[in-house]
Amino acid sequence: MKIVGVCACVAGIAHTYMAQEKLTQAAEARGHTIHVETQGVIGQENELTPEDIAAADVVVLAVDVEVTGKERFKGKKVIEVPTKTVVHDADRLLTRIEQLLSQANE
């Protein structure tokens, strides 16, 4: 599965980067390709390209605040959760996403 995501927390510091790390680690451990953009106090980092988004099977928004550029994901399957969901159990989230995509393809 190809995943793109955006992580952003209220302060734009700790949980943003913790969510990015946990989501990336869990996805790679499951054999998925992932690219995660962060939006925080220093702006956007690892910005997603239109090509990244077009190739993605799913968009994961691990956010606690409104993020810039949500319109980029129009027409994509978008899963939005709080950053704490990813920080505490990214693997469980990915299991749910895999199940949802599997059901959608049946």
PDB file of N, CA and C in Angstrom:
ATOM      1  N   MET A   1       0.851  -1.167   0.000  1.00  0.00           N
ATOM      2  CA  MET A   1       0.000   0.000   0.000  1.00  0.00           C
ATOM      3  C   MET A   1       0.900   1.234   0.000  1.00  0.00           C
ATOM      4  N   LYS A   2       0.462   2.249  -0.721  1.00  0.00           N
ATOM      5  CA  LYS A   2       1.169   3.530  -0.730  1.00  0.00           C
ATOM      6  C   LYS A   2       0.372   4.510   0.112  1.00  0.00           C
ATOM      7  N   ILE A   3       1.058   5.077   1.116  1.00  0.00           N
ATOM      8  CA  ILE A   3       0.421   5.964   2.078  1.00  0.00           C
ATOM      9  C   ILE A   3       1.106   7.320   2.027  1.00  0.00           C
ATOM     10  N   VAL A   4       0.309   8.375   2.052  1.00  0.00           N
ATOM     11  CA  VAL A   4       0.836   9.707   2.311  1.00  0.00           C
ATOM     12  C   VAL A   4       0.117  10.223   3.535  1.00  0.00           C
ATOM     13  N   GLY A   5       0.757  11.140   4.238  1.00  0.00           N
ATOM     14  CA  GLY A   5       0.128  11.650   5.441  1.00  0.00           C
ATOM     15  C   GLY A   5       0.600  13.026   5.806  1.00  0.00           C
ATOM     16  N   VAL A   6      -0.146  13.624   6.710  1.00  0.00           N
ATOM     17  CA  VAL A   6       0.222  14.906   7.294  1.00  0.00           C
ATOM     18  C   VAL A   6       0.066  14.761   8.794  1.00  0.00           C
ATOM     19  N   CYS A   7       1.062  15.218   9.533  1.00  0.00           N
ATOM     20  CA  CYS A   7       1.005  15.227  10.994  1.00  0.00           C
ATOM     21  C   CYS A   7       1.113  16.666  11.474  1.00  0.00           C
ATOM     22  N   ALA A   8       0.244  17.029  12.410  1.00  0.00           N
ATOM     23  CA  ALA A   8       0.264  18.379  12.975  1.00  0.00           C
ATOM     24  C   ALA A   8      -0.432  18.359  14.328  1.00  0.00           C
ATOM     25  N   CYS A   9       0.240  18.873  15.342  1.00  0.00           N
ATOM     26  CA  CYS A   9      -0.363  18.948  16.675  1.00  0.00           C
ATOM     27  C   CYS A   9      -0.599  20.406  17.047  1.00  0.00           C
ATOM     28  N   VAL A  10      -1.209  20.620  18.177  1.00  0.00           N
ATOM     29  CA  VAL A  10      -1.561  21.968  18.613  1.00  0.00           C
ATOM     30  C   VAL A  10      -0.324  22.854  18.733  1.00  0.00           C
ATOM     31  N   ALA A  11       0.702  22.363  19.388  1.00  0.00           N
ATOM     32  CA  ALA A  11       1.917  23.155  19.567  1.00  0.00           C
ATOM     33  C   ALA A  11       2.811  23.115  18.330  1.00  0.00           C
ATOM     34  N   GLY A  12       2.633  22.089  17.508  1.00  0.00           N
ATOM     35  CA  GLY A  12       3.448  21.982  16.295  1.00  0.00           C
ATOM     36  C   GLY A  12       4.868  21.524  16.560  1.00  0.00           C
ATOM     37  N   ILE A  13       5.061  20.860  17.682  1.00  0.00           N
ATOM     38  CA  ILE A  13       6.414  20.416  18.011  1.00  0.00           C
ATOM     39  C   ILE A  13       6.416  18.918  18.288  1.00  0.00           C
ATOM     40  N   ALA A  14       6.301  18.522  19.531  1.00  0.00           N
ATOM     41  CA  ALA A  14       6.539  17.142  19.951  1.00  0.00           C
ATOM     42  C   ALA A  14       5.632  16.115  19.273  1.00  0.00           C
ATOM     43  N   HIS A  15       4.321  16.242  19.446  1.00  0.00           N
ATOM     44  CA  HIS A  15       3.425  15.210  18.921  1.00  0.00           C
ATOM     45  C   HIS A  15       3.437  15.137  17.402  1.00  0.00           C
ATOM     46  N   THR A  16       3.698  16.255  16.747  1.00  0.00           N
ATOM     47  CA  THR A  16       3.789  16.248  15.282  1.00  0.00           C
ATOM     48  C   THR A  16       4.865  15.266  14.847  1.00  0.00           C
ATOM     49  N   TYR A  17       6.035  15.385  15.421  1.00  0.00           N
ATOM     50  CA  TYR A  17       7.175  14.564  15.000  1.00  0.00           C
ATOM     51  C   TYR A  17       7.099  13.147  15.553  1.00  0.00           C
ATOM     52  N   MET A  18       6.527  13.000  16.743  1.00  0.00           N
ATOM     53  CA  MET A  18       6.337  11.647  17.283  1.00  0.00           C
ATOM     54  C   MET A  18       5.349  10.877  16.407  1.00  0.00           C
ATOM     55  N   ALA A  19       4.275  11.530  15.990  1.00  0.00           N
ATOM     56  CA  ALA A  19       3.288  10.875  15.132  1.00  0.00           C
ATOM     57  C   ALA A  19       3.921  10.510  13.787  1.00  0.00           C
ATOM     58  N   GLN A  20       4.708  11.402  13.233  1.00  0.00           N
ATOM     59  CA  GLN A  20       5.384  11.116  11.962  1.00  0.00           C
ATOM     60  C   GLN A  20       6.277   9.881  12.099  1.00  0.00           C
ATOM     61  N   GLU A  21       7.052   9.843  13.155  1.00  0.00           N
ATOM     62  CA  GLU A  21       7.975   8.727  13.366  1.00  0.00           C
ATOM     63  C   GLU A  21       7.224   7.405  13.575  1.00  0.00           C
ATOM     64  N   LYS A  22       6.218   7.414  14.423  1.00  0.00           N
ATOM     65  CA  LYS A  22       5.474   6.177  14.707  1.00  0.00           C
ATOM     66  C   LYS A  22       4.744   5.673  13.459  1.00  0.00           C
ATOM     67  N   LEU A  23       4.126   6.579  12.715  1.00  0.00           N
ATOM     68  CA  LEU A  23       3.404   6.191  11.508  1.00  0.00           C
ATOM     69  C   LEU A  23       4.363   5.625  10.465  1.00  0.00           C
ATOM     70  N   THR A  24       5.490   6.260  10.292  1.00  0.00           N
ATOM     71  CA  THR A  24       6.490   5.800   9.324  1.00  0.00           C
ATOM     72  C   THR A  24       7.033   4.434   9.716  1.00  0.00           C
ATOM     73  N   GLN A  25       7.386   4.267  10.974  1.00  0.00           N
ATOM     74  CA  GLN A  25       7.924   2.985  11.440  1.00  0.00           C
ATOM     75  C   GLN A  25       6.916   1.863  11.266  1.00  0.00           C
ATOM     76  N   ALA A  26       5.664   2.103  11.648  1.00  0.00           N
ATOM     77  CA  ALA A  26       4.643   1.067  11.549  1.00  0.00           C
ATOM     78  C   ALA A  26       4.371   0.708  10.089  1.00  0.00           C
ATOM     79  N   ALA A  27       4.297   1.690   9.226  1.00  0.00           N
ATOM     80  CA  ALA A  27       4.025   1.425   7.808  1.00  0.00           C
ATOM     81  C   ALA A  27       5.167   0.636   7.169  1.00  0.00           C
ATOM     82  N   GLU A  28       6.391   1.054   7.417  1.00  0.00           N
ATOM     83  CA  GLU A  28       7.544   0.358   6.836  1.00  0.00           C
ATOM     84  C   GLU A  28       7.652  -1.065   7.369  1.00  0.00           C
ATOM     85  N   ALA A  29       7.358  -1.266   8.640  1.00  0.00           N
ATOM     86  CA  ALA A  29       7.405  -2.609   9.227  1.00  0.00           C
ATOM     87  C   ALA A  29       6.387  -3.538   8.568  1.00  0.00           C
ATOM     88  N   ARG A  30       5.300  -2.965   8.054  1.00  0.00           N
ATOM     89  CA  ARG A  30       4.255  -3.746   7.402  1.00  0.00           C
ATOM     90  C   ARG A  30       4.479  -3.844   5.892  1.00  0.00           C
ATOM     91  N   GLY A  31       5.575  -3.272   5.418  1.00  0.00           N
ATOM     92  CA  GLY A  31       5.906  -3.368   3.994  1.00  0.00           C
ATOM     93  C   GLY A  31       5.253  -2.320   3.111  1.00  0.00           C
ATOM     94  N   HIS A  32       4.730  -1.264   3.711  1.00  0.00           N
ATOM     95  CA  HIS A  32       4.076  -0.205   2.945  1.00  0.00           C
ATOM     96  C   HIS A  32       5.073   0.897   2.606  1.00  0.00           C
ATOM     97  N   THR A  33       4.776   1.639   1.556  1.00  0.00           N
ATOM     98  CA  THR A  33       5.525   2.829   1.185  1.00  0.00           C
ATOM     99  C   THR A  33       4.818   4.019   1.813  1.00  0.00           C
ATOM    100  N   ILE A  34       5.580   4.927   2.423  1.00  0.00           N
ATOM    101  CA  ILE A  34       4.953   6.053   3.111  1.00  0.00           C
ATOM    102  C   ILE A  34       5.781   7.325   2.958  1.00  0.00           C
ATOM    103  N   HIS A  35       5.082   8.440   2.862  1.00  0.00           N
ATOM    104  CA  HIS A  35       5.703   9.769   2.837  1.00  0.00           C
ATOM    105  C   HIS A  35       4.838  10.660   3.720  1.00  0.00           C
ATOM    106  N   VAL A  36       5.430  11.224   4.760  1.00  0.00           N
ATOM    107  CA  VAL A  36       4.664  12.013   5.726  1.00  0.00           C
ATOM    108  C   VAL A  36       5.192  13.442   5.774  1.00  0.00           C
ATOM    109  N   GLU A  37       4.280  14.363   5.563  1.00  0.00           N
ATOM    110  CA  GLU A  37       4.566  15.792   5.677  1.00  0.00           C
ATOM    111  C   GLU A  37       4.254  16.224   7.102  1.00  0.00           C
ATOM    112  N   THR A  38       5.050  17.131   7.637  1.00  0.00           N
ATOM    113  CA  THR A  38       4.733  17.698   8.952  1.00  0.00           C
ATOM    114  C   THR A  38       4.395  19.169   8.782  1.00  0.00           C
ATOM    115  N   GLN A  39       3.475  19.622   9.608  1.00  0.00           N
ATOM    116  CA  GLN A  39       3.120  21.038   9.646  1.00  0.00           C
ATOM    117  C   GLN A  39       3.202  21.461  11.096  1.00  0.00           C
ATOM    118  N   GLY A  40       4.102  22.403  11.367  1.00  0.00           N
ATOM    119  CA  GLY A  40       4.313  22.814  12.750  1.00  0.00           C
ATOM    120  C   GLY A  40       4.804  24.229  12.846  1.00  0.00           C
ATOM    121  N   VAL A  41       5.491  24.505  13.931  1.00  0.00           N
ATOM    122  CA  VAL A  41       5.951  25.864  14.200  1.00  0.00           C
ATOM    123  C   VAL A  41       6.949  26.361  13.158  1.00  0.00           C
ATOM    124  N   ILE A  42       7.640  25.458  12.500  1.00  0.00           N
ATOM    125  CA  ILE A  42       8.604  25.888  11.480  1.00  0.00           C
ATOM    126  C   ILE A  42       8.049  25.732  10.073  1.00  0.00           C
ATOM    127  N   GLY A  43       6.735  25.561   9.976  1.00  0.00           N
ATOM    128  CA  GLY A  43       6.091  25.455   8.669  1.00  0.00           C
ATOM    129  C   GLY A  43       5.973  24.018   8.201  1.00  0.00           C
ATOM    130  N   GLN A  44       5.849  23.844   6.878  1.00  0.00           N
ATOM    131  CA  GLN A  44       5.726  22.516   6.292  1.00  0.00           C
ATOM    132  C   GLN A  44       7.116  21.943   6.030  1.00  0.00           C
ATOM    133  N   GLU A  45       7.271  20.673   6.392  1.00  0.00           N
ATOM    134  CA  GLU A  45       8.503  19.946   6.097  1.00  0.00           C
ATOM    135  C   GLU A  45       8.131  18.659   5.379  1.00  0.00           C
ATOM    136  N   ASN A  46       9.033  18.180   4.527  1.00  0.00           N
ATOM    137  CA  ASN A  46       8.801  16.962   3.747  1.00  0.00           C
ATOM    138  C   ASN A  46       7.512  17.083   2.941  1.00  0.00           C
ATOM    139  N   GLU A  47       7.299  18.248   2.335  1.00  0.00           N
ATOM    140  CA  GLU A  47       6.047  18.534   1.636  1.00  0.00           C
ATOM    141  C   GLU A  47       5.720  17.462   0.595  1.00  0.00           C
ATOM    142  N   LEU A  48       4.471  17.051   0.590  1.00  0.00           N
ATOM    143  CA  LEU A  48       3.992  16.064  -0.368  1.00  0.00           C
ATOM    144  C   LEU A  48       3.885  16.697  -1.749  1.00  0.00           C
ATOM    145  N   THR A  49       4.312  15.978  -2.757  1.00  0.00           N
ATOM    146  CA  THR A  49       4.197  16.468  -4.126  1.00  0.00           C
ATOM    147  C   THR A  49       2.872  15.982  -4.715  1.00  0.00           C
ATOM    148  N   PRO A  50       2.414  16.631  -5.769  1.00  0.00           N
ATOM    149  CA  PRO A  50       1.209  16.132  -6.439  1.00  0.00           C
ATOM    150  C   PRO A  50       1.371  14.678  -6.897  1.00  0.00           C
ATOM    151  N   GLU A  51       2.575  14.291  -7.277  1.00  0.00           N
ATOM    152  CA  GLU A  51       2.845  12.913  -7.702  1.00  0.00           C
ATOM    153  C   GLU A  51       2.717  11.945  -6.526  1.00  0.00           C
ATOM    154  N   ASP A  52       3.226  12.336  -5.356  1.00  0.00           N
ATOM    155  CA  ASP A  52       3.093  11.504  -4.148  1.00  0.00           C
ATOM    156  C   ASP A  52       1.613  11.246  -3.861  1.00  0.00           C
ATOM    157  N   ILE A  53       0.835  12.311  -3.911  1.00  0.00           N
ATOM    158  CA  ILE A  53      -0.589  12.215  -3.582  1.00  0.00           C
ATOM    159  C   ILE A  53      -1.325  11.378  -4.621  1.00  0.00           C
ATOM    160  N   ALA A  54      -1.031  11.606  -5.886  1.00  0.00           N
ATOM    161  CA  ALA A  54      -1.710  10.863  -6.957  1.00  0.00           C
ATOM    162  C   ALA A  54      -1.457   9.363  -6.849  1.00  0.00           C
ATOM    163  N   ALA A  55      -0.252   8.978  -6.437  1.00  0.00           N
ATOM    164  CA  ALA A  55       0.114   7.562  -6.354  1.00  0.00           C
ATOM    165  C   ALA A  55      -0.404   6.879  -5.089  1.00  0.00           C
ATOM    166  N   ALA A  56      -0.864   7.663  -4.119  1.00  0.00           N
ATOM    167  CA  ALA A  56      -1.252   7.106  -2.817  1.00  0.00           C
ATOM    168  C   ALA A  56      -2.575   6.352  -2.871  1.00  0.00           C
ATOM    169  N   ASP A  57      -2.619   5.267  -2.106  1.00  0.00           N
ATOM    170  CA  ASP A  57      -3.856   4.511  -1.918  1.00  0.00           C
ATOM    171  C   ASP A  57      -4.714   5.135  -0.825  1.00  0.00           C
ATOM    172  N   VAL A  58      -4.050   5.805   0.114  1.00  0.00           N
ATOM    173  CA  VAL A  58      -4.756   6.384   1.259  1.00  0.00           C
ATOM    174  C   VAL A  58      -3.961   7.564   1.799  1.00  0.00           C
ATOM    175  N   VAL A  59      -4.704   8.508   2.381  1.00  0.00           N
ATOM    176  CA  VAL A  59      -4.111   9.676   3.029  1.00  0.00           C
ATOM    177  C   VAL A  59      -4.433   9.583   4.513  1.00  0.00           C
ATOM    178  N   VAL A  60      -3.417   9.661   5.353  1.00  0.00           N
ATOM    179  CA  VAL A  60      -3.615   9.649   6.803  1.00  0.00           C
ATOM    180  C   VAL A  60      -3.313  11.044   7.337  1.00  0.00           C
ATOM    181  N   LEU A  61      -4.321  11.649   7.926  1.00  0.00           N
ATOM    182  CA  LEU A  61      -4.141  12.943   8.572  1.00  0.00           C
ATOM    183  C   LEU A  61      -4.138  12.706  10.073  1.00  0.00           C
ATOM    184  N   ALA A  62      -2.961  12.768  10.672  1.00  0.00           N
ATOM    185  CA  ALA A  62      -2.818  12.639  12.126  1.00  0.00           C
ATOM    186  C   ALA A  62      -2.676  14.057  12.643  1.00  0.00           C
ATOM    187  N   VAL A  63      -3.820  14.666  12.939  1.00  0.00           N
ATOM    188  CA  VAL A  63      -3.828  16.102  13.211  1.00  0.00           C
ATOM    189  C   VAL A  63      -4.720  16.447  14.395  1.00  0.00           C
ATOM    190  N   ASP A  64      -4.316  17.503  15.088  1.00  0.00           N
ATOM    191  CA  ASP A  64      -5.095  18.048  16.193  1.00  0.00           C
ATOM    192  C   ASP A  64      -5.550  19.473  15.883  1.00  0.00           C
ATOM    193  N   VAL A  65      -5.149  19.982  14.730  1.00  0.00           N
ATOM    194  CA  VAL A  65      -5.464  21.341  14.293  1.00  0.00           C
ATOM    195  C   VAL A  65      -5.810  21.299  12.811  1.00  0.00           C
ATOM    196  N   GLU A  66      -6.336  22.397  12.311  1.00  0.00           N
ATOM    197  CA  GLU A  66      -6.598  22.512  10.877  1.00  0.00           C
ATOM    198  C   GLU A  66      -5.257  22.590  10.154  1.00  0.00           C
ATOM    199  N   VAL A  67      -5.144  21.863   9.053  1.00  0.00           N
ATOM    200  CA  VAL A  67      -3.886  21.846   8.312  1.00  0.00           C
ATOM    201  C   VAL A  67      -4.035  22.556   6.976  1.00  0.00           C
ATOM    202  N   THR A  68      -2.923  23.004   6.464  1.00  0.00           N
ATOM    203  CA  THR A  68      -2.871  23.679   5.181  1.00  0.00           C
ATOM    204  C   THR A  68      -2.915  22.662   4.052  1.00  0.00           C
ATOM    205  N   GLY A  69      -3.695  22.945   3.039  1.00  0.00           N
ATOM    206  CA  GLY A  69      -3.644  22.134   1.828  1.00  0.00           C
ATOM    207  C   GLY A  69      -4.498  20.888   1.804  1.00  0.00           C
ATOM    208  N   LYS A  70      -5.536  20.818   2.613  1.00  0.00           N
ATOM    209  CA  LYS A  70      -6.389  19.624   2.611  1.00  0.00           C
ATOM    210  C   LYS A  70      -7.047  19.390   1.251  1.00  0.00           C
ATOM    211  N   GLU A  71      -7.256  20.461   0.513  1.00  0.00           N
ATOM    212  CA  GLU A  71      -7.894  20.333  -0.796  1.00  0.00           C
ATOM    213  C   GLU A  71      -7.070  19.481  -1.756  1.00  0.00           C
ATOM    214  N   ARG A  72      -5.791  19.307  -1.479  1.00  0.00           N
ATOM    215  CA  ARG A  72      -4.923  18.465  -2.323  1.00  0.00           C
ATOM    216  C   ARG A  72      -5.382  17.020  -2.347  1.00  0.00           C
ATOM    217  N   PHE A  73      -6.143  16.620  -1.345  1.00  0.00           N
ATOM    218  CA  PHE A  73      -6.516  15.215  -1.191  1.00  0.00           C
ATOM    219  C   PHE A  73      -7.919  14.900  -1.721  1.00  0.00           C
ATOM    220  N   LYS A  74      -8.531  15.855  -2.408  1.00  0.00           N
ATOM    221  CA  LYS A  74      -9.872  15.644  -2.959  1.00  0.00           C
ATOM    222  C   LYS A  74      -9.865  14.419  -3.871  1.00  0.00           C
ATOM    223  N   GLY A  75     -10.826  13.542  -3.639  1.00  0.00           N
ATOM    224  CA  GLY A  75     -10.942  12.329  -4.434  1.00  0.00           C
ATOM    225  C   GLY A  75     -10.142  11.148  -3.893  1.00  0.00           C
ATOM    226  N   LYS A  76      -9.373  11.356  -2.844  1.00  0.00           N
ATOM    227  CA  LYS A  76      -8.585  10.284  -2.223  1.00  0.00           C
ATOM    228  C   LYS A  76      -9.309   9.775  -0.983  1.00  0.00           C
ATOM    229  N   LYS A  77      -9.010   8.550  -0.600  1.00  0.00           N
ATOM    230  CA  LYS A  77      -9.509   8.002   0.656  1.00  0.00           C
ATOM    231  C   LYS A  77      -8.700   8.660   1.773  1.00  0.00           C
ATOM    232  N   VAL A  78      -9.377   9.426   2.639  1.00  0.00           N
ATOM    233  CA  VAL A  78      -8.705  10.161   3.712  1.00  0.00           C
ATOM    234  C   VAL A  78      -9.172   9.627   5.060  1.00  0.00           C
ATOM    235  N   ILE A  79      -8.204   9.283   5.903  1.00  0.00           N
ATOM    236  CA  ILE A  79      -8.456   8.849   7.274  1.00  0.00           C
ATOM    237  C   ILE A  79      -7.885   9.932   8.187  1.00  0.00           C
ATOM    238  N   GLU A  80      -8.744  10.539   9.010  1.00  0.00           N
ATOM    239  CA  GLU A  80      -8.288  11.595   9.910  1.00  0.00           C
ATOM    240  C   GLU A  80      -8.442  11.142  11.352  1.00  0.00           C
ATOM    241  N   VAL A  81      -7.346  11.223  12.092  1.00  0.00           N
ATOM    242  CA  VAL A  81      -7.316  10.817  13.495  1.00  0.00           C
ATOM    243  C   VAL A  81      -6.481  11.821  14.287  1.00  0.00           C
ATOM    244  N   PRO A  82      -6.671  11.874  15.595  1.00  0.00           N
ATOM    245  CA  PRO A  82      -5.808  12.720  16.434  1.00  0.00           C
ATOM    246  C   PRO A  82      -4.377  12.157  16.455  1.00  0.00           C
ATOM    247  N   THR A  83      -3.416  13.027  16.690  1.00  0.00           N
ATOM    248  CA  THR A  83      -2.021  12.571  16.747  1.00  0.00           C
ATOM    249  C   THR A  83      -1.837  11.494  17.805  1.00  0.00           C
ATOM    250  N   LYS A  84      -2.566  11.595  18.925  1.00  0.00           N
ATOM    251  CA  LYS A  84      -2.376  10.609  19.999  1.00  0.00           C
ATOM    252  C   LYS A  84      -2.730   9.196  19.540  1.00  0.00           C
ATOM    253  N   THR A  85      -3.654   9.058  18.609  1.00  0.00           N
ATOM    254  CA  THR A  85      -4.003   7.739  18.084  1.00  0.00           C
ATOM    255  C   THR A  85      -2.792   7.096  17.423  1.00  0.00           C
ATOM    256  N   VAL A  86      -2.054   7.867  16.670  1.00  0.00           N
ATOM    257  CA  VAL A  86      -0.864   7.358  15.981  1.00  0.00           C
ATOM    258  C   VAL A  86       0.277   7.135  16.966  1.00  0.00           C
ATOM    259  N   VAL A  87       0.467   8.071  17.880  1.00  0.00           N
ATOM    260  CA  VAL A  87       1.557   7.961  18.847  1.00  0.00           C
ATOM    261  C   VAL A  87       1.379   6.728  19.726  1.00  0.00           C
ATOM    262  N   HIS A  88       0.144   6.456  20.151  1.00  0.00           N
ATOM    263  CA  HIS A  88      -0.099   5.340  21.066  1.00  0.00           C
ATOM    264  C   HIS A  88      -0.181   3.986  20.375  1.00  0.00           C
ATOM    265  N   ASP A  89      -0.684   3.938  19.127  1.00  0.00           N
ATOM    266  CA  ASP A  89      -0.817   2.633  18.477  1.00  0.00           C
ATOM    267  C   ASP A  89      -0.979   2.767  16.961  1.00  0.00           C
ATOM    268  N   ALA A  90       0.091   3.149  16.305  1.00  0.00           N
ATOM    269  CA  ALA A  90       0.079   3.310  14.847  1.00  0.00           C
ATOM    270  C   ALA A  90      -0.197   1.987  14.149  1.00  0.00           C
ATOM    271  N   ASP A  91       0.269   0.904  14.732  1.00  0.00           N
ATOM    272  CA  ASP A  91       0.064  -0.403  14.111  1.00  0.00           C
ATOM    273  C   ASP A  91      -1.426  -0.757  14.062  1.00  0.00           C
ATOM    274  N   ARG A  92      -2.133  -0.480  15.118  1.00  0.00           N
ATOM    275  CA  ARG A  92      -3.578  -0.751  15.151  1.00  0.00           C
ATOM    276  C   ARG A  92      -4.302   0.102  14.101  1.00  0.00           C
ATOM    277  N   LEU A  93      -3.903   1.357  13.978  1.00  0.00           N
ATOM    278  CA  LEU A  93      -4.496   2.235  12.974  1.00  0.00           C
ATOM    279  C   LEU A  93      -4.274   1.673  11.574  1.00  0.00           C
ATOM    280  N   LEU A  94      -3.071   1.229  11.289  1.00  0.00           N
ATOM    281  CA  LEU A  94      -2.783   0.674   9.965  1.00  0.00           C
ATOM    282  C   LEU A  94      -3.563  -0.608   9.714  1.00  0.00           C
ATOM    283  N   THR A  95      -3.771  -1.412  10.731  1.00  0.00           N
ATOM    284  CA  THR A  95      -4.597  -2.614  10.586  1.00  0.00           C
ATOM    285  C   THR A  95      -6.012  -2.222  10.176  1.00  0.00           C
ATOM    286  N   ARG A  96      -6.564  -1.202  10.833  1.00  0.00           N
ATOM    287  CA  ARG A  96      -7.914  -0.734  10.489  1.00  0.00           C
ATOM    288  C   ARG A  96      -7.964  -0.199   9.060  1.00  0.00           C
ATOM    289  N   ILE A  97      -6.944   0.536   8.658  1.00  0.00           N
ATOM    290  CA  ILE A  97      -6.902   1.084   7.300  1.00  0.00           C
ATOM    291  C   ILE A  97      -6.815  -0.042   6.273  1.00  0.00           C
ATOM    292  N   GLU A  98      -5.980  -1.025   6.539  1.00  0.00           N
ATOM    293  CA  GLU A  98      -5.861  -2.174   5.632  1.00  0.00           C
ATOM    294  C   GLU A  98      -7.204  -2.873   5.473  1.00  0.00           C
ATOM    295  N   GLN A  99      -7.920  -3.044   6.584  1.00  0.00           N
ATOM    296  CA  GLN A  99      -9.228  -3.687   6.543  1.00  0.00           C
ATOM    297  C   GLN A  99     -10.226  -2.858   5.735  1.00  0.00           C
ATOM    298  N   LEU A 100     -10.230  -1.551   5.962  1.00  0.00           N
ATOM    299  CA  LEU A 100     -11.139  -0.680   5.220  1.00  0.00           C
ATOM    300  C   LEU A 100     -10.877  -0.715   3.722  1.00  0.00           C
ATOM    301  N   LEU A 101      -9.605  -0.657   3.355  1.00  0.00           N
ATOM    302  CA  LEU A 101      -9.264  -0.689   1.928  1.00  0.00           C
ATOM    303  C   LEU A 101      -9.569  -2.052   1.312  1.00  0.00           C
ATOM    304  N   SER A 102      -9.365  -3.100   2.082  1.00  0.00           N
ATOM    305  CA  SER A 102      -9.662  -4.445   1.591  1.00  0.00           C
ATOM    306  C   SER A 102     -11.161  -4.595   1.327  1.00  0.00           C
ATOM    307  N   GLN A 103     -11.976  -4.097   2.249  1.00  0.00           N
ATOM    308  CA  GLN A 103     -13.427  -4.160   2.094  1.00  0.00           C
ATOM    309  C   GLN A 103     -13.882  -3.323   0.908  1.00  0.00           C
ATOM    310  N   ALA A 104     -13.255  -2.176   0.701  1.00  0.00           N
ATOM    311  CA  ALA A 104     -13.624  -1.296  -0.404  1.00  0.00           C
ATOM    312  C   ALA A 104     -13.291  -1.924  -1.751  1.00  0.00           C
ATOM    313  N   ASN A 105     -12.283  -2.791  -1.775  1.00  0.00           N
ATOM    314  CA  ASN A 105     -11.867  -3.430  -3.028  1.00  0.00           C
ATOM    315  C   ASN A 105     -12.602  -4.734  -3.318  1.00  0.00           C
ATOM    316  N   GLU A 106     -13.443  -5.175  -2.391  1.00  0.00           N
ATOM    317  CA  GLU A 106     -14.173  -6.430  -2.602  1.00  0.00           C
ATOM    318  C   GLU A 106     -15.385  -6.229  -3.477  1.00  0.00           C
TER     319      GLU A 106
END
